[in-house]
Protein backbone atom coordinates (compact mmCIF):
# COMPACT_ATOMS: atom_id res chain seq x y z
CA UNK A 1 0.00 0.03 -0.02
CA UNK A 2 1.42 3.41 -0.96
CA UNK A 3 1.45 6.60 1.12
CA UNK A 4 -1.88 8.10 1.89
CA UNK A 5 -2.67 11.41 0.27
CA UNK A 6 -3.39 14.43 2.59
CA UNK A 7 -6.80 14.40 4.12
CA UNK A 8 -9.14 17.42 4.33
CA UNK A 9 -8.47 19.72 7.31
CA UNK A 10 -10.84 19.94 10.20
CA UNK A 11 -13.15 22.86 9.71
CA UNK A 12 -12.77 25.78 12.17
CA UNK A 13 -15.53 25.65 14.69
CA UNK A 14 -15.97 21.85 14.43
CA UNK A 15 -16.80 19.86 17.48
CA UNK A 16 -15.72 16.32 18.34
CA UNK A 17 -18.12 13.50 17.62
CA UNK A 18 -18.16 12.28 21.29
CA UNK A 19 -18.08 15.61 23.29
CA UNK A 20 -18.33 19.33 22.79
CA UNK A 21 -14.48 19.80 22.83
CA UNK A 22 -12.45 20.97 19.91
CA UNK A 23 -11.19 18.03 17.79
CA UNK A 24 -7.48 17.49 17.50
CA UNK A 25 -7.60 14.50 15.17
CA UNK A 26 -9.65 12.73 12.53
CA UNK A 27 -9.82 9.03 12.52
CA UNK A 28 -10.86 7.39 9.29
CA UNK A 29 -12.80 4.12 9.65
CA UNK A 30 -12.52 1.91 6.50
CA UNK A 31 -15.59 0.39 4.89
CA UNK A 32 -16.76 -2.94 6.33
CA UNK A 33 -19.46 -5.41 5.95
CA UNK A 34 -21.87 -3.07 7.78
CA UNK A 35 -20.47 0.20 6.48
CA UNK A 36 -20.36 0.83 2.76
CA UNK A 37 -17.91 3.80 2.82
CA UNK A 38 -15.24 5.39 4.90
CA UNK A 39 -16.36 7.37 7.99
CA UNK A 40 -14.34 10.08 9.63
CA UNK A 41 -14.58 10.52 13.40
CA UNK A 42 -13.42 13.76 15.04
CA UNK A 43 -11.69 13.19 18.39
CA UNK A 44 -10.67 15.63 21.12
CA UNK A 45 -7.35 14.98 22.79
CA UNK A 46 -8.90 13.21 25.81
CA UNK A 47 -10.94 10.80 23.70
CA UNK A 48 -8.03 10.19 21.28
CA UNK A 49 -5.81 9.14 24.23
CA UNK A 50 -8.66 7.00 25.76
CA UNK A 51 -9.09 5.26 22.42
CA UNK A 52 -5.52 4.74 21.64
CA UNK A 53 -5.20 1.06 22.29
CA UNK A 54 -8.31 0.23 20.22
CA UNK A 55 -7.33 2.59 17.35
CA UNK A 56 -3.81 1.21 17.16
CA UNK A 57 -4.96 -2.35 17.16
CA UNK A 58 -7.47 -1.71 14.34
CA UNK A 59 -4.88 -0.01 12.17
CA UNK A 60 -7.03 3.07 11.37
CA UNK A 61 -5.58 6.21 9.68
CA UNK A 62 -5.28 9.16 12.01
CA UNK A 63 -4.90 12.72 10.73
CA UNK A 64 -4.08 15.91 12.47
CA UNK A 65 -6.11 19.12 12.40
CA UNK A 66 -4.53 20.13 9.02
CA UNK A 67 -5.28 16.81 7.42
CA UNK A 68 -1.80 15.41 7.53
CA UNK A 69 -1.33 11.73 8.30
CA UNK A 70 0.17 11.20 11.72
CA UNK A 71 3.24 9.12 11.05
CA UNK A 72 4.01 8.37 14.67
CA UNK A 73 0.69 7.82 16.54
CA UNK A 74 2.56 7.12 19.74
CA UNK A 75 3.75 10.69 19.79
CA UNK A 76 0.12 11.80 19.77
CA UNK A 77 -1.55 8.96 21.68
CA UNK A 78 0.91 9.23 24.54
CA UNK A 79 0.70 6.37 27.02
CA UNK A 80 -2.47 4.22 27.29
CA UNK A 81 -4.68 4.83 30.23
């Protein structure tokens, strides 16, 4: 699989999918048997850290606020809690 192209940036004023906080990352869920297309989830820093283990194990793409692929998720995820 080749490098991923840049993703669209998070729109100013956007809110995270799971809380009213400002999103710091976009997680792209790939299509599956129950989902016909990719789905982007906007996550705040807290929920990004809390979801780190599940996100890493599922191999999803994680993008920063500007739409750049995060090459080193450990730097962003920090330690698992």
